[in-house]
Amino acid sequence: MRCVFVQFRCMPGKTYEVADAIYDREVVSELYSTSGDFDLIAKVYVPVDQDVGRFLSENLFDIPGIQRTLTTMTFKAF
């Protein structure tokens, strides 16, 4: 599994709806609300045999209320 972090900027007033929809999809291992430019951050494990962009697009990025995302790839755990 490949670990990636995805930050979500939500449309005003939609953060809780987006968070609920993310959890309903059962593809994130952790989800947090954050301060700053983004409203949520999720830790996602993507199967090694799957394309990260396609996996995220098909499983998360079509949720209504998401305004923007930022994906951070990881390479090595210390």
N, C-alpha and C. Protein backbone atom coordinates (compact mmCIF):
# COMPACT_ATOMS: atom_id res chain seq x y z
N MET A 1 0.84 -1.18 0.00
CA MET A 1 0.00 0.00 0.00
C MET A 1 0.89 1.24 0.00
N ARG A 2 0.44 2.25 -0.70
CA ARG A 2 1.16 3.52 -0.81
C ARG A 2 0.36 4.56 -0.02
N CYS A 3 1.02 5.25 0.90
CA CYS A 3 0.35 6.26 1.73
C CYS A 3 0.41 7.62 1.05
N VAL A 4 -0.76 8.26 0.94
CA VAL A 4 -0.83 9.63 0.45
C VAL A 4 -1.71 10.43 1.40
N PHE A 5 -1.46 11.72 1.47
CA PHE A 5 -2.29 12.63 2.25
C PHE A 5 -3.04 13.52 1.27
N VAL A 6 -4.33 13.69 1.51
CA VAL A 6 -5.15 14.53 0.65
C VAL A 6 -5.79 15.62 1.50
N GLN A 7 -5.57 16.87 1.10
CA GLN A 7 -6.22 18.00 1.77
C GLN A 7 -7.41 18.43 0.93
N PHE A 8 -8.48 18.82 1.60
CA PHE A 8 -9.70 19.23 0.93
C PHE A 8 -10.09 20.64 1.35
N ARG A 9 -10.34 21.49 0.38
CA ARG A 9 -10.96 22.78 0.64
C ARG A 9 -12.43 22.60 0.25
N CYS A 10 -13.30 22.91 1.19
CA CYS A 10 -14.73 22.71 0.97
C CYS A 10 -15.43 24.04 0.68
N MET A 11 -16.55 23.94 0.00
CA MET A 11 -17.37 25.13 -0.21
C MET A 11 -17.88 25.59 1.16
N PRO A 12 -18.10 26.88 1.34
CA PRO A 12 -18.55 27.39 2.64
C PRO A 12 -19.79 26.64 3.14
N GLY A 13 -19.72 26.22 4.39
CA GLY A 13 -20.83 25.53 5.02
C GLY A 13 -20.98 24.05 4.66
N LYS A 14 -20.04 23.49 3.90
CA LYS A 14 -20.16 22.11 3.44
C LYS A 14 -19.15 21.15 4.07
N THR A 15 -18.32 21.63 4.99
CA THR A 15 -17.23 20.81 5.51
C THR A 15 -17.75 19.53 6.17
N TYR A 16 -18.77 19.62 7.00
CA TYR A 16 -19.27 18.43 7.69
C TYR A 16 -19.93 17.46 6.72
N GLU A 17 -20.61 17.97 5.72
CA GLU A 17 -21.21 17.10 4.69
C GLU A 17 -20.12 16.37 3.91
N VAL A 18 -19.07 17.08 3.55
CA VAL A 18 -17.96 16.47 2.82
C VAL A 18 -17.29 15.41 3.70
N ALA A 19 -17.03 15.73 4.95
CA ALA A 19 -16.39 14.78 5.86
C ALA A 19 -17.24 13.51 6.00
N ASP A 20 -18.54 13.66 6.16
CA ASP A 20 -19.42 12.49 6.26
C ASP A 20 -19.37 11.65 5.00
N ALA A 21 -19.37 12.30 3.85
CA ALA A 21 -19.33 11.58 2.57
C ALA A 21 -18.00 10.84 2.40
N ILE A 22 -16.91 11.46 2.84
CA ILE A 22 -15.60 10.80 2.76
C ILE A 22 -15.60 9.53 3.61
N TYR A 23 -16.10 9.64 4.84
CA TYR A 23 -16.15 8.46 5.71
C TYR A 23 -17.06 7.38 5.15
N ASP A 24 -18.15 7.78 4.54
CA ASP A 24 -19.08 6.81 3.97
C ASP A 24 -18.44 5.97 2.87
N ARG A 25 -17.45 6.51 2.19
CA ARG A 25 -16.78 5.78 1.10
C ARG A 25 -15.81 4.72 1.61
N GLU A 26 -15.42 4.80 2.89
CA GLU A 26 -14.55 3.82 3.53
C GLU A 26 -13.21 3.61 2.80
N VAL A 27 -12.59 4.69 2.35
CA VAL A 27 -11.29 4.60 1.68
C VAL A 27 -10.18 5.35 2.41
N VAL A 28 -10.51 6.07 3.47
CA VAL A 28 -9.48 6.79 4.23
C VAL A 28 -9.23 6.09 5.55
N SER A 29 -7.98 6.13 6.00
CA SER A 29 -7.68 5.52 7.30
C SER A 29 -7.85 6.53 8.44
N GLU A 30 -7.61 7.82 8.13
CA GLU A 30 -7.77 8.89 9.12
C GLU A 30 -8.27 10.14 8.42
N LEU A 31 -9.07 10.93 9.13
CA LEU A 31 -9.59 12.18 8.59
C LEU A 31 -9.64 13.21 9.71
N TYR A 32 -9.09 14.39 9.45
CA TYR A 32 -9.02 15.45 10.45
C TYR A 32 -9.51 16.77 9.87
N SER A 33 -10.10 17.59 10.71
CA SER A 33 -10.36 18.98 10.31
C SER A 33 -9.08 19.76 10.58
N THR A 34 -8.83 20.77 9.77
CA THR A 34 -7.59 21.53 9.88
C THR A 34 -7.88 23.03 9.80
N SER A 35 -6.91 23.81 10.22
CA SER A 35 -6.99 25.26 10.03
C SER A 35 -6.10 25.62 8.86
N GLY A 36 -6.27 26.82 8.35
CA GLY A 36 -5.43 27.26 7.25
C GLY A 36 -6.17 27.24 5.92
N ASP A 37 -5.43 26.98 4.85
CA ASP A 37 -5.99 27.04 3.50
C ASP A 37 -6.95 25.92 3.18
N PHE A 38 -6.85 24.80 3.89
CA PHE A 38 -7.72 23.65 3.64
C PHE A 38 -8.51 23.31 4.89
N ASP A 39 -9.64 22.65 4.69
CA ASP A 39 -10.56 22.35 5.80
C ASP A 39 -10.38 20.96 6.39
N LEU A 40 -9.96 20.01 5.56
CA LEU A 40 -9.83 18.61 5.98
C LEU A 40 -8.53 18.04 5.44
N ILE A 41 -7.98 17.05 6.15
CA ILE A 41 -6.86 16.29 5.63
C ILE A 41 -7.14 14.82 5.90
N ALA A 42 -6.89 13.99 4.90
CA ALA A 42 -7.13 12.56 5.00
C ALA A 42 -5.85 11.79 4.71
N LYS A 43 -5.68 10.71 5.44
CA LYS A 43 -4.59 9.77 5.17
C LYS A 43 -5.22 8.60 4.41
N VAL A 44 -4.68 8.33 3.22
CA VAL A 44 -5.27 7.32 2.34
C VAL A 44 -4.18 6.33 1.95
N TYR A 45 -4.51 5.06 2.02
CA TYR A 45 -3.61 4.01 1.55
C TYR A 45 -4.13 3.51 0.21
N VAL A 46 -3.32 3.71 -0.82
CA VAL A 46 -3.68 3.32 -2.18
C VAL A 46 -2.96 2.02 -2.50
N PRO A 47 -3.68 1.01 -3.00
CA PRO A 47 -3.01 -0.23 -3.39
C PRO A 47 -1.88 0.03 -4.39
N VAL A 48 -0.77 -0.65 -4.22
CA VAL A 48 0.41 -0.43 -5.05
C VAL A 48 0.13 -0.66 -6.53
N ASP A 49 -0.78 -1.57 -6.84
CA ASP A 49 -1.07 -1.88 -8.24
C ASP A 49 -2.05 -0.91 -8.89
N GLN A 50 -2.45 0.13 -8.17
CA GLN A 50 -3.41 1.09 -8.73
C GLN A 50 -2.76 2.46 -8.91
N ASP A 51 -3.21 3.16 -9.93
CA ASP A 51 -2.76 4.53 -10.19
C ASP A 51 -3.35 5.45 -9.13
N VAL A 52 -2.50 6.23 -8.48
CA VAL A 52 -2.95 7.10 -7.38
C VAL A 52 -4.00 8.10 -7.85
N GLY A 53 -3.73 8.78 -8.95
CA GLY A 53 -4.67 9.79 -9.45
C GLY A 53 -6.03 9.20 -9.79
N ARG A 54 -6.03 8.06 -10.45
CA ARG A 54 -7.29 7.42 -10.81
C ARG A 54 -8.04 6.95 -9.57
N PHE A 55 -7.31 6.34 -8.63
CA PHE A 55 -7.92 5.85 -7.39
C PHE A 55 -8.61 6.99 -6.64
N LEU A 56 -7.90 8.10 -6.47
CA LEU A 56 -8.47 9.23 -5.75
C LEU A 56 -9.64 9.85 -6.51
N SER A 57 -9.50 9.99 -7.81
CA SER A 57 -10.57 10.57 -8.63
C SER A 57 -11.83 9.73 -8.56
N GLU A 58 -11.67 8.41 -8.64
CA GLU A 58 -12.84 7.52 -8.66
C GLU A 58 -13.46 7.32 -7.28
N ASN A 59 -12.67 7.52 -6.22
CA ASN A 59 -13.17 7.23 -4.88
C ASN A 59 -13.49 8.44 -4.01
N LEU A 60 -12.91 9.60 -4.34
CA LEU A 60 -13.09 10.76 -3.45
C LEU A 60 -13.45 12.07 -4.14
N PHE A 61 -12.86 12.32 -5.28
CA PHE A 61 -12.92 13.67 -5.84
C PHE A 61 -14.25 14.06 -6.45
N ASP A 62 -15.20 13.14 -6.53
CA ASP A 62 -16.52 13.48 -7.08
C ASP A 62 -17.53 13.83 -6.00
N ILE A 63 -17.07 13.97 -4.76
CA ILE A 63 -17.98 14.30 -3.65
C ILE A 63 -18.43 15.76 -3.78
N PRO A 64 -19.75 15.98 -3.76
CA PRO A 64 -20.25 17.36 -3.84
C PRO A 64 -19.75 18.20 -2.65
N GLY A 65 -19.43 19.44 -2.91
CA GLY A 65 -18.99 20.36 -1.87
C GLY A 65 -17.49 20.52 -1.78
N ILE A 66 -16.73 19.72 -2.54
CA ILE A 66 -15.28 19.88 -2.57
C ILE A 66 -14.95 20.97 -3.59
N GLN A 67 -14.21 21.95 -3.13
CA GLN A 67 -13.82 23.06 -3.99
C GLN A 67 -12.44 22.84 -4.61
N ARG A 68 -11.53 22.28 -3.81
CA ARG A 68 -10.15 22.06 -4.28
C ARG A 68 -9.51 20.97 -3.44
N THR A 69 -8.53 20.28 -4.02
CA THR A 69 -7.78 19.28 -3.27
C THR A 69 -6.28 19.49 -3.49
N LEU A 70 -5.50 18.95 -2.57
CA LEU A 70 -4.05 18.95 -2.68
C LEU A 70 -3.57 17.59 -2.19
N THR A 71 -2.92 16.84 -3.07
CA THR A 71 -2.44 15.50 -2.74
C THR A 71 -0.94 15.54 -2.52
N THR A 72 -0.51 14.95 -1.41
CA THR A 72 0.90 14.85 -1.09
C THR A 72 1.29 13.38 -1.08
N MET A 73 2.21 13.03 -1.97
CA MET A 73 2.72 11.66 -2.05
C MET A 73 3.76 11.46 -0.95
N THR A 74 3.85 10.25 -0.42
CA THR A 74 4.88 9.93 0.56
C THR A 74 5.82 8.88 -0.04
N PHE A 75 7.05 8.84 0.48
CA PHE A 75 8.04 7.93 -0.08
C PHE A 75 8.65 6.98 0.93
N LYS A 76 8.88 7.45 2.17
CA LYS A 76 9.54 6.61 3.15
C LYS A 76 9.10 7.04 4.55
N ALA A 77 8.78 6.07 5.38
CA ALA A 77 8.44 6.36 6.78
C ALA A 77 9.69 6.30 7.63
N PHE A 78 9.84 7.24 8.55
CA PHE A 78 11.01 7.25 9.45
C PHE A 78 10.59 6.88 10.84
